[in-house]
Amino acid sequence: NALLTAGDKSGCNTMTIGWCQMGRLW
């Protein structure tokens, strides 16, 4: 699995994810 993280230097949060897709779009 992996950690999904969003935010910036002033504040953020991370969470474990088990769902993710990668590839090409547009």
mmCIF file of all heavy atoms, coordinates in Angstrom:
data_MODEL
# 
_entry.id   MODEL 
# 
loop_
_atom_site.group_PDB 
_atom_site.id 
_atom_site.type_symbol 
_atom_site.label_atom_id 
_atom_site.label_alt_id 
_atom_site.label_comp_id 
_atom_site.label_asym_id 
_atom_site.label_entity_id 
_atom_site.label_seq_id 
_atom_site.pdbx_PDB_ins_code 
_atom_site.Cartn_x 
_atom_site.Cartn_y 
_atom_site.Cartn_z 
_atom_site.occupancy 
_atom_site.B_iso_or_equiv 
_atom_site.pdbx_formal_charge 
_atom_site.auth_seq_id 
_atom_site.auth_comp_id 
_atom_site.auth_asym_id 
_atom_site.auth_atom_id 
_atom_site.pdbx_PDB_model_num 
ATOM 1   N N   . ASN A 1 1  ? 0.836   -1.188 0.000   1.00 0.00 ? 1  ASN A N   1 
ATOM 2   C CA  . ASN A 1 1  ? 0.000   0.000  0.000   1.00 0.00 ? 1  ASN A CA  1 
ATOM 3   C C   . ASN A 1 1  ? 0.883   1.254  0.000   1.00 0.00 ? 1  ASN A C   1 
ATOM 4   O O   . ASN A 1 1  ? 2.065   1.170  -0.292  1.00 0.00 ? 1  ASN A O   1 
ATOM 5   C CB  . ASN A 1 1  ? -1.008  -0.021 1.132   1.00 0.00 ? 1  ASN A CB  1 
ATOM 6   C CG  . ASN A 1 1  ? -1.959  -1.198 1.001   1.00 0.00 ? 1  ASN A CG  1 
ATOM 7   O OD1 . ASN A 1 1  ? -2.255  -1.635 -0.100  1.00 0.00 ? 1  ASN A OD1 1 
ATOM 8   N ND2 . ASN A 1 1  ? -2.419  -1.710 2.117   1.00 0.00 ? 1  ASN A ND2 1 
ATOM 9   N N   . ALA A 1 2  ? 0.315   2.403  0.303   1.00 0.00 ? 2  ALA A N   1 
ATOM 10  C CA  . ALA A 1 2  ? 1.069   3.649  0.216   1.00 0.00 ? 2  ALA A CA  1 
ATOM 11  C C   . ALA A 1 2  ? 0.431   4.694  1.109   1.00 0.00 ? 2  ALA A C   1 
ATOM 12  O O   . ALA A 1 2  ? -0.665  4.498  1.634   1.00 0.00 ? 2  ALA A O   1 
ATOM 13  C CB  . ALA A 1 2  ? 1.103   4.139  -1.232  1.00 0.00 ? 2  ALA A CB  1 
ATOM 14  N N   . LEU A 1 3  ? 1.127   5.813  1.264   1.00 0.00 ? 3  LEU A N   1 
ATOM 15  C CA  . LEU A 1 3  ? 0.581   6.956  1.993   1.00 0.00 ? 3  LEU A CA  1 
ATOM 16  C C   . LEU A 1 3  ? 0.167   8.024  0.992   1.00 0.00 ? 3  LEU A C   1 
ATOM 17  O O   . LEU A 1 3  ? 0.970   8.444  0.153   1.00 0.00 ? 3  LEU A O   1 
ATOM 18  C CB  . LEU A 1 3  ? 1.622   7.532  2.958   1.00 0.00 ? 3  LEU A CB  1 
ATOM 19  C CG  . LEU A 1 3  ? 2.033   6.640  4.120   1.00 0.00 ? 3  LEU A CG  1 
ATOM 20  C CD1 . LEU A 1 3  ? 3.139   7.309  4.940   1.00 0.00 ? 3  LEU A CD1 1 
ATOM 21  C CD2 . LEU A 1 3  ? 0.842   6.310  5.009   1.00 0.00 ? 3  LEU A CD2 1 
ATOM 22  N N   . LEU A 1 4  ? -1.074  8.440  1.080   1.00 0.00 ? 4  LEU A N   1 
ATOM 23  C CA  . LEU A 1 4  ? -1.579  9.574  0.314   1.00 0.00 ? 4  LEU A CA  1 
ATOM 24  C C   . LEU A 1 4  ? -1.444  10.785 1.214   1.00 0.00 ? 4  LEU A C   1 
ATOM 25  O O   . LEU A 1 4  ? -1.904  10.759 2.366   1.00 0.00 ? 4  LEU A O   1 
ATOM 26  C CB  . LEU A 1 4  ? -3.042  9.356  -0.062  1.00 0.00 ? 4  LEU A CB  1 
ATOM 27  C CG  . LEU A 1 4  ? -3.772  10.577 -0.626  1.00 0.00 ? 4  LEU A CG  1 
ATOM 28  C CD1 . LEU A 1 4  ? -3.182  10.999 -1.967  1.00 0.00 ? 4  LEU A CD1 1 
ATOM 29  C CD2 . LEU A 1 4  ? -5.257  10.281 -0.751  1.00 0.00 ? 4  LEU A CD2 1 
ATOM 30  N N   . THR A 1 5  ? -0.816  11.837 0.710   1.00 0.00 ? 5  THR A N   1 
ATOM 31  C CA  . THR A 1 5  ? -0.597  13.034 1.513   1.00 0.00 ? 5  THR A CA  1 
ATOM 32  C C   . THR A 1 5  ? -1.027  14.253 0.708   1.00 0.00 ? 5  THR A C   1 
ATOM 33  O O   . THR A 1 5  ? -0.740  14.361 -0.477  1.00 0.00 ? 5  THR A O   1 
ATOM 34  C CB  . THR A 1 5  ? 0.887   13.162 1.909   1.00 0.00 ? 5  THR A CB  1 
ATOM 35  O OG1 . THR A 1 5  ? 1.313   11.920 2.470   1.00 0.00 ? 5  THR A OG1 1 
ATOM 36  C CG2 . THR A 1 5  ? 1.100   14.269 2.916   1.00 0.00 ? 5  THR A CG2 1 
ATOM 37  N N   . ALA A 1 6  ? -1.716  15.177 1.373   1.00 0.00 ? 6  ALA A N   1 
ATOM 38  C CA  . ALA A 1 6  ? -2.115  16.432 0.750   1.00 0.00 ? 6  ALA A CA  1 
ATOM 39  C C   . ALA A 1 6  ? -1.925  17.551 1.757   1.00 0.00 ? 6  ALA A C   1 
ATOM 40  O O   . ALA A 1 6  ? -1.979  17.336 2.965   1.00 0.00 ? 6  ALA A O   1 
ATOM 41  C CB  . ALA A 1 6  ? -3.570  16.368 0.290   1.00 0.00 ? 6  ALA A CB  1 
ATOM 42  N N   . GLY A 1 7  ? -1.694  18.734 1.242   1.00 0.00 ? 7  GLY A N   1 
ATOM 43  C CA  . GLY A 1 7  ? -1.446  19.905 2.066   1.00 0.00 ? 7  GLY A CA  1 
ATOM 44  C C   . GLY A 1 7  ? -0.207  20.610 1.569   1.00 0.00 ? 7  GLY A C   1 
ATOM 45  O O   . GLY A 1 7  ? 0.158   20.504 0.400   1.00 0.00 ? 7  GLY A O   1 
ATOM 46  N N   . ASP A 1 8  ? 0.445   21.331 2.479   1.00 0.00 ? 8  ASP A N   1 
ATOM 47  C CA  . ASP A 1 8  ? 1.670   22.042 2.132   1.00 0.00 ? 8  ASP A CA  1 
ATOM 48  C C   . ASP A 1 8  ? 2.490   22.243 3.403   1.00 0.00 ? 8  ASP A C   1 
ATOM 49  O O   . ASP A 1 8  ? 2.193   21.621 4.434   1.00 0.00 ? 8  ASP A O   1 
ATOM 50  C CB  . ASP A 1 8  ? 1.364   23.369 1.429   1.00 0.00 ? 8  ASP A CB  1 
ATOM 51  C CG  . ASP A 1 8  ? 0.446   24.277 2.228   1.00 0.00 ? 8  ASP A CG  1 
ATOM 52  O OD1 . ASP A 1 8  ? 0.458   24.215 3.491   1.00 0.00 ? 8  ASP A OD1 1 
ATOM 53  O OD2 . ASP A 1 8  ? -0.283  25.074 1.613   1.00 0.00 ? 8  ASP A OD2 1 
ATOM 54  N N   . LYS A 1 9  ? 3.485   23.126 3.344   1.00 0.00 ? 9  LYS A N   1 
ATOM 55  C CA  . LYS A 1 9  ? 4.369   23.331 4.494   1.00 0.00 ? 9  LYS A CA  1 
ATOM 56  C C   . LYS A 1 9  ? 3.633   23.893 5.711   1.00 0.00 ? 9  LYS A C   1 
ATOM 57  O O   . LYS A 1 9  ? 4.075   23.719 6.836   1.00 0.00 ? 9  LYS A O   1 
ATOM 58  C CB  . LYS A 1 9  ? 5.524   24.257 4.109   1.00 0.00 ? 9  LYS A CB  1 
ATOM 59  C CG  . LYS A 1 9  ? 6.478   23.607 3.136   1.00 0.00 ? 9  LYS A CG  1 
ATOM 60  C CD  . LYS A 1 9  ? 7.574   24.562 2.690   1.00 0.00 ? 9  LYS A CD  1 
ATOM 61  C CE  . LYS A 1 9  ? 8.471   23.883 1.669   1.00 0.00 ? 9  LYS A CE  1 
ATOM 62  N NZ  . LYS A 1 9  ? 9.469   24.797 1.113   1.00 0.00 ? 9  LYS A NZ  1 
ATOM 63  N N   . SER A 1 10 ? 2.490   24.529 5.497   1.00 0.00 ? 10 SER A N   1 
ATOM 64  C CA  . SER A 1 10 ? 1.753   25.107 6.630   1.00 0.00 ? 10 SER A CA  1 
ATOM 65  C C   . SER A 1 10 ? 0.821   24.105 7.311   1.00 0.00 ? 10 SER A C   1 
ATOM 66  O O   . SER A 1 10 ? 0.350   24.356 8.413   1.00 0.00 ? 10 SER A O   1 
ATOM 67  C CB  . SER A 1 10 ? 0.957   26.329 6.168   1.00 0.00 ? 10 SER A CB  1 
ATOM 68  O OG  . SER A 1 10 ? -0.070  25.945 5.276   1.00 0.00 ? 10 SER A OG  1 
ATOM 69  N N   . GLY A 1 11 ? 0.559   22.978 6.666   1.00 0.00 ? 11 GLY A N   1 
ATOM 70  C CA  . GLY A 1 11 ? -0.293  21.954 7.261   1.00 0.00 ? 11 GLY A CA  1 
ATOM 71  C C   . GLY A 1 11 ? -0.635  20.883 6.248   1.00 0.00 ? 11 GLY A C   1 
ATOM 72  O O   . GLY A 1 11 ? -0.805  21.169 5.061   1.00 0.00 ? 11 GLY A O   1 
ATOM 73  N N   . CYS A 1 12 ? -0.715  19.650 6.723   1.00 0.00 ? 12 CYS A N   1 
ATOM 74  C CA  . CYS A 1 12 ? -1.014  18.546 5.816   1.00 0.00 ? 12 CYS A CA  1 
ATOM 75  C C   . CYS A 1 12 ? -1.543  17.362 6.611   1.00 0.00 ? 12 CYS A C   1 
ATOM 76  O O   . CYS A 1 12 ? -1.554  17.377 7.835   1.00 0.00 ? 12 CYS A O   1 
ATOM 77  C CB  . CYS A 1 12 ? 0.230   18.142 5.030   1.00 0.00 ? 12 CYS A CB  1 
ATOM 78  S SG  . CYS A 1 12 ? 1.549   17.408 6.029   1.00 0.00 ? 12 CYS A SG  1 
ATOM 79  N N   . ASN A 1 13 ? -1.971  16.356 5.897   1.00 0.00 ? 13 ASN A N   1 
ATOM 80  C CA  . ASN A 1 13 ? -2.325  15.088 6.517   1.00 0.00 ? 13 ASN A CA  1 
ATOM 81  C C   . ASN A 1 13 ? -1.968  13.965 5.561   1.00 0.00 ? 13 ASN A C   1 
ATOM 82  O O   . ASN A 1 13 ? -1.913  14.155 4.343   1.00 0.00 ? 13 ASN A O   1 
ATOM 83  C CB  . ASN A 1 13 ? -3.806  15.016 6.870   1.00 0.00 ? 13 ASN A CB  1 
ATOM 84  C CG  . ASN A 1 13 ? -4.084  13.875 7.832   1.00 0.00 ? 13 ASN A CG  1 
ATOM 85  O OD1 . ASN A 1 13 ? -3.523  13.830 8.925   1.00 0.00 ? 13 ASN A OD1 1 
ATOM 86  N ND2 . ASN A 1 13 ? -4.915  12.937 7.436   1.00 0.00 ? 13 ASN A ND2 1 
ATOM 87  N N   . THR A 1 14 ? -1.718  12.810 6.154   1.00 0.00 ? 14 THR A N   1 
ATOM 88  C CA  . THR A 1 14 ? -1.409  11.617 5.376   1.00 0.00 ? 14 THR A CA  1 
ATOM 89  C C   . THR A 1 14 ? -2.309  10.483 5.820   1.00 0.00 ? 14 THR A C   1 
ATOM 90  O O   . THR A 1 14 ? -2.759  10.455 6.969   1.00 0.00 ? 14 THR A O   1 
ATOM 91  C CB  . THR A 1 14 ? 0.091   11.239 5.515   1.00 0.00 ? 14 THR A CB  1 
ATOM 92  O OG1 . THR A 1 14 ? 0.416   10.252 4.535   1.00 0.00 ? 14 THR A OG1 1 
ATOM 93  C CG2 . THR A 1 14 ? 0.434   10.733 6.909   1.00 0.00 ? 14 THR A CG2 1 
ATOM 94  N N   . MET A 1 15 ? -2.603  9.569  4.912   1.00 0.00 ? 15 MET A N   1 
ATOM 95  C CA  . MET A 1 15 ? -3.415  8.397  5.227   1.00 0.00 ? 15 MET A CA  1 
ATOM 96  C C   . MET A 1 15 ? -2.964  7.229  4.373   1.00 0.00 ? 15 MET A C   1 
ATOM 97  O O   . MET A 1 15 ? -2.460  7.412  3.261   1.00 0.00 ? 15 MET A O   1 
ATOM 98  C CB  . MET A 1 15 ? -4.906  8.677  4.997   1.00 0.00 ? 15 MET A CB  1 
ATOM 99  C CG  . MET A 1 15 ? -5.265  8.987  3.563   1.00 0.00 ? 15 MET A CG  1 
ATOM 100 S SD  . MET A 1 15 ? -7.028  9.338  3.316   1.00 0.00 ? 15 MET A SD  1 
ATOM 101 C CE  . MET A 1 15 ? -7.630  7.687  2.982   1.00 0.00 ? 15 MET A CE  1 
ATOM 102 N N   . THR A 1 16 ? -3.130  6.038  4.900   1.00 0.00 ? 16 THR A N   1 
ATOM 103 C CA  . THR A 1 16 ? -2.809  4.835  4.149   1.00 0.00 ? 16 THR A CA  1 
ATOM 104 C C   . THR A 1 16 ? -3.891  4.603  3.100   1.00 0.00 ? 16 THR A C   1 
ATOM 105 O O   . THR A 1 16 ? -5.079  4.746  3.387   1.00 0.00 ? 16 THR A O   1 
ATOM 106 C CB  . THR A 1 16 ? -2.734  3.624  5.095   1.00 0.00 ? 16 THR A CB  1 
ATOM 107 O OG1 . THR A 1 16 ? -1.724  3.881  6.065   1.00 0.00 ? 16 THR A OG1 1 
ATOM 108 C CG2 . THR A 1 16 ? -2.407  2.347  4.343   1.00 0.00 ? 16 THR A CG2 1 
ATOM 109 N N   . ILE A 1 17 ? -3.459  4.258  1.889   1.00 0.00 ? 17 ILE A N   1 
ATOM 110 C CA  . ILE A 1 17 ? -4.410  3.919  0.828   1.00 0.00 ? 17 ILE A CA  1 
ATOM 111 C C   . ILE A 1 17 ? -4.069  2.541  0.261   1.00 0.00 ? 17 ILE A C   1 
ATOM 112 O O   . ILE A 1 17 ? -2.909  2.158  0.181   1.00 0.00 ? 17 ILE A O   1 
ATOM 113 C CB  . ILE A 1 17 ? -4.447  4.964  -0.305  1.00 0.00 ? 17 ILE A CB  1 
ATOM 114 C CG1 . ILE A 1 17 ? -3.064  5.152  -0.958  1.00 0.00 ? 17 ILE A CG1 1 
ATOM 115 C CG2 . ILE A 1 17 ? -5.007  6.289  0.198   1.00 0.00 ? 17 ILE A CG2 1 
ATOM 116 C CD1 . ILE A 1 17 ? -3.085  5.963  -2.239  1.00 0.00 ? 17 ILE A CD1 1 
ATOM 117 N N   . GLY A 1 18 ? -5.099  1.830  -0.117  1.00 0.00 ? 18 GLY A N   1 
ATOM 118 C CA  . GLY A 1 18 ? -4.931  0.548  -0.778  1.00 0.00 ? 18 GLY A CA  1 
ATOM 119 C C   . GLY A 1 18 ? -5.499  0.578  -2.190  1.00 0.00 ? 18 GLY A C   1 
ATOM 120 O O   . GLY A 1 18 ? -5.320  -0.344 -2.956  1.00 0.00 ? 18 GLY A O   1 
ATOM 121 N N   . TRP A 1 19 ? -6.198  1.652  -2.509  1.00 0.00 ? 19 TRP A N   1 
ATOM 122 C CA  . TRP A 1 19 ? -6.772  1.814  -3.852  1.00 0.00 ? 19 TRP A CA  1 
ATOM 123 C C   . TRP A 1 19 ? -5.987  2.883  -4.579  1.00 0.00 ? 19 TRP A C   1 
ATOM 124 O O   . TRP A 1 19 ? -5.808  4.006  -4.069  1.00 0.00 ? 19 TRP A O   1 
ATOM 125 C CB  . TRP A 1 19 ? -8.210  2.291  -3.778  1.00 0.00 ? 19 TRP A CB  1 
ATOM 126 C CG  . TRP A 1 19 ? -9.204  1.340  -3.216  1.00 0.00 ? 19 TRP A CG  1 
ATOM 127 C CD1 . TRP A 1 19 ? -8.971  0.116  -2.660  1.00 0.00 ? 19 TRP A CD1 1 
ATOM 128 C CD2 . TRP A 1 19 ? -10.608 1.551  -3.153  1.00 0.00 ? 19 TRP A CD2 1 
ATOM 129 N NE1 . TRP A 1 19 ? -10.138 -0.446 -2.254  1.00 0.00 ? 19 TRP A NE1 1 
ATOM 130 C CE2 . TRP A 1 19 ? -11.177 0.419  -2.551  1.00 0.00 ? 19 TRP A CE2 1 
ATOM 131 C CE3 . TRP A 1 19 ? -11.437 2.582  -3.554  1.00 0.00 ? 19 TRP A CE3 1 
ATOM 132 C CZ2 . TRP A 1 19 ? -12.541 0.285  -2.333  1.00 0.00 ? 19 TRP A CZ2 1 
ATOM 133 C CZ3 . TRP A 1 19 ? -12.789 2.459  -3.337  1.00 0.00 ? 19 TRP A CZ3 1 
ATOM 134 C CH2 . TRP A 1 19 ? -13.334 1.322  -2.732  1.00 0.00 ? 19 TRP A CH2 1 
ATOM 135 N N   . CYS A 1 20 ? -5.529  2.569  -5.762  1.00 0.00 ? 20 CYS A N   1 
ATOM 136 C CA  . CYS A 1 20 ? -4.800  3.529  -6.585  1.00 0.00 ? 20 CYS A CA  1 
ATOM 137 C C   . CYS A 1 20 ? -4.760  2.986  -8.003  1.00 0.00 ? 20 CYS A C   1 
ATOM 138 O O   . CYS A 1 20 ? -4.672  1.771  -8.203  1.00 0.00 ? 20 CYS A O   1 
ATOM 139 C CB  . CYS A 1 20 ? -3.379  3.697  -6.043  1.00 0.00 ? 20 CYS A CB  1 
ATOM 140 S SG  . CYS A 1 20 ? -2.401  4.939  -6.887  1.00 0.00 ? 20 CYS A SG  1 
ATOM 141 N N   . GLN A 1 21 ? -4.832  3.876  -8.961  1.00 0.00 ? 21 GLN A N   1 
ATOM 142 C CA  . GLN A 1 21 ? -4.702  3.480  -10.365 1.00 0.00 ? 21 GLN A CA  1 
ATOM 143 C C   . GLN A 1 21 ? -3.700  4.409  -11.023 1.00 0.00 ? 21 GLN A C   1 
ATOM 144 O O   . GLN A 1 21 ? -3.657  5.604  -10.719 1.00 0.00 ? 21 GLN A O   1 
ATOM 145 C CB  . GLN A 1 21 ? -6.046  3.581  -11.081 1.00 0.00 ? 21 GLN A CB  1 
ATOM 146 C CG  . GLN A 1 21 ? -7.053  2.591  -10.560 1.00 0.00 ? 21 GLN A CG  1 
ATOM 147 C CD  . GLN A 1 21 ? -8.408  2.785  -11.192 1.00 0.00 ? 21 GLN A CD  1 
ATOM 148 O OE1 . GLN A 1 21 ? -8.921  3.889  -11.270 1.00 0.00 ? 21 GLN A OE1 1 
ATOM 149 N NE2 . GLN A 1 21 ? -8.992  1.685  -11.657 1.00 0.00 ? 21 GLN A NE2 1 
ATOM 150 N N   . MET A 1 22 ? -2.922  3.829  -11.922 1.00 0.00 ? 22 MET A N   1 
ATOM 151 C CA  . MET A 1 22 ? -1.936  4.618  -12.658 1.00 0.00 ? 22 MET A CA  1 
ATOM 152 C C   . MET A 1 22 ? -1.964  4.235  -14.125 1.00 0.00 ? 22 MET A C   1 
ATOM 153 O O   . MET A 1 22 ? -2.259  3.091  -14.458 1.00 0.00 ? 22 MET A O   1 
ATOM 154 C CB  . MET A 1 22 ? -0.548  4.402  -12.083 1.00 0.00 ? 22 MET A CB  1 
ATOM 155 C CG  . MET A 1 22 ? -0.400  5.079  -10.736 1.00 0.00 ? 22 MET A CG  1 
ATOM 156 S SD  . MET A 1 22 ? 1.054   4.578  -9.868  1.00 0.00 ? 22 MET A SD  1 
ATOM 157 C CE  . MET A 1 22 ? 0.459   3.104  -9.097  1.00 0.00 ? 22 MET A CE  1 
ATOM 158 N N   . GLY A 1 23 ? -1.653  5.193  -14.950 1.00 0.00 ? 23 GLY A N   1 
ATOM 159 C CA  . GLY A 1 23 ? -1.622  4.935  -16.382 1.00 0.00 ? 23 GLY A CA  1 
ATOM 160 C C   . GLY A 1 23 ? -1.567  6.239  -17.150 1.00 0.00 ? 23 GLY A C   1 
ATOM 161 O O   . GLY A 1 23 ? -0.975  7.222  -16.702 1.00 0.00 ? 23 GLY A O   1 
ATOM 162 N N   . ARG A 1 24 ? -2.231  6.239  -18.299 1.00 0.00 ? 24 ARG A N   1 
ATOM 163 C CA  . ARG A 1 24 ? -2.271  7.439  -19.132 1.00 0.00 ? 24 ARG A CA  1 
ATOM 164 C C   . ARG A 1 24 ? -3.723  7.823  -19.369 1.00 0.00 ? 24 ARG A C   1 
ATOM 165 O O   . ARG A 1 24 ? -4.566  6.967  -19.619 1.00 0.00 ? 24 ARG A O   1 
ATOM 166 C CB  . ARG A 1 24 ? -1.567  7.199  -20.461 1.00 0.00 ? 24 ARG A CB  1 
ATOM 167 C CG  . ARG A 1 24 ? -0.067  6.995  -20.282 1.00 0.00 ? 24 ARG A CG  1 
ATOM 168 C CD  . ARG A 1 24 ? 0.710   7.018  -21.571 1.00 0.00 ? 24 ARG A CD  1 
ATOM 169 N NE  . ARG A 1 24 ? 0.763   8.313  -22.211 1.00 0.00 ? 24 ARG A NE  1 
ATOM 170 C CZ  . ARG A 1 24 ? 1.529   9.342  -21.823 1.00 0.00 ? 24 ARG A CZ  1 
ATOM 171 N NH1 . ARG A 1 24 ? 2.288   9.219  -20.760 1.00 0.00 ? 24 ARG A NH1 1 
ATOM 172 N NH2 . ARG A 1 24 ? 1.532   10.471 -22.486 1.00 0.00 ? 24 ARG A NH2 1 
ATOM 173 N N   . LEU A 1 25 ? -3.981  9.106  -19.285 1.00 0.00 ? 25 LEU A N   1 
ATOM 174 C CA  . LEU A 1 25 ? -5.301  9.658  -19.545 1.00 0.00 ? 25 LEU A CA  1 
ATOM 175 C C   . LEU A 1 25 ? -5.083  11.031 -20.157 1.00 0.00 ? 25 LEU A C   1 
ATOM 176 O O   . LEU A 1 25 ? -4.232  11.791 -19.668 1.00 0.00 ? 25 LEU A O   1 
ATOM 177 C CB  . LEU A 1 25 ? -6.093  9.748  -18.221 1.00 0.00 ? 25 LEU A CB  1 
ATOM 178 C CG  . LEU A 1 25 ? -7.522  10.268 -18.286 1.00 0.00 ? 25 LEU A CG  1 
ATOM 179 C CD1 . LEU A 1 25 ? -8.408  9.327  -19.111 1.00 0.00 ? 25 LEU A CD1 1 
ATOM 180 C CD2 . LEU A 1 25 ? -8.088  10.412 -16.881 1.00 0.00 ? 25 LEU A CD2 1 
ATOM 181 N N   . TRP A 1 26 ? -5.813  11.349 -21.189 1.00 0.00 ? 26 TRP A N   1 
ATOM 182 C CA  . TRP A 1 26 ? -5.639  12.619 -21.897 1.00 0.00 ? 26 TRP A CA  1 
ATOM 183 C C   . TRP A 1 26 ? -4.182  12.787 -22.339 1.00 0.00 ? 26 TRP A C   1 
ATOM 184 O O   . TRP A 1 26 ? -3.630  13.888 -22.327 1.00 0.00 ? 26 TRP A O   1 
ATOM 185 C CB  . TRP A 1 26 ? -6.100  13.807 -21.056 1.00 0.00 ? 26 TRP A CB  1 
ATOM 186 C CG  . TRP A 1 26 ? -7.534  13.700 -20.642 1.00 0.00 ? 26 TRP A CG  1 
ATOM 187 C CD1 . TRP A 1 26 ? -8.615  13.560 -21.456 1.00 0.00 ? 26 TRP A CD1 1 
ATOM 188 C CD2 . TRP A 1 26 ? -8.043  13.719 -19.311 1.00 0.00 ? 26 TRP A CD2 1 
ATOM 189 N NE1 . TRP A 1 26 ? -9.765  13.481 -20.710 1.00 0.00 ? 26 TRP A NE1 1 
ATOM 190 C CE2 . TRP A 1 26 ? -9.443  13.581 -19.385 1.00 0.00 ? 26 TRP A CE2 1 
ATOM 191 C CE3 . TRP A 1 26 ? -7.457  13.830 -18.055 1.00 0.00 ? 26 TRP A CE3 1 
ATOM 192 C CZ2 . TRP A 1 26 ? -10.269 13.561 -18.278 1.00 0.00 ? 26 TRP A CZ2 1 
ATOM 193 C CZ3 . TRP A 1 26 ? -8.281  13.811 -16.954 1.00 0.00 ? 26 TRP A CZ3 1 
ATOM 194 C CH2 . TRP A 1 26 ? -9.659  13.685 -17.063 1.00 0.00 ? 26 TRP A CH2 1 
# 
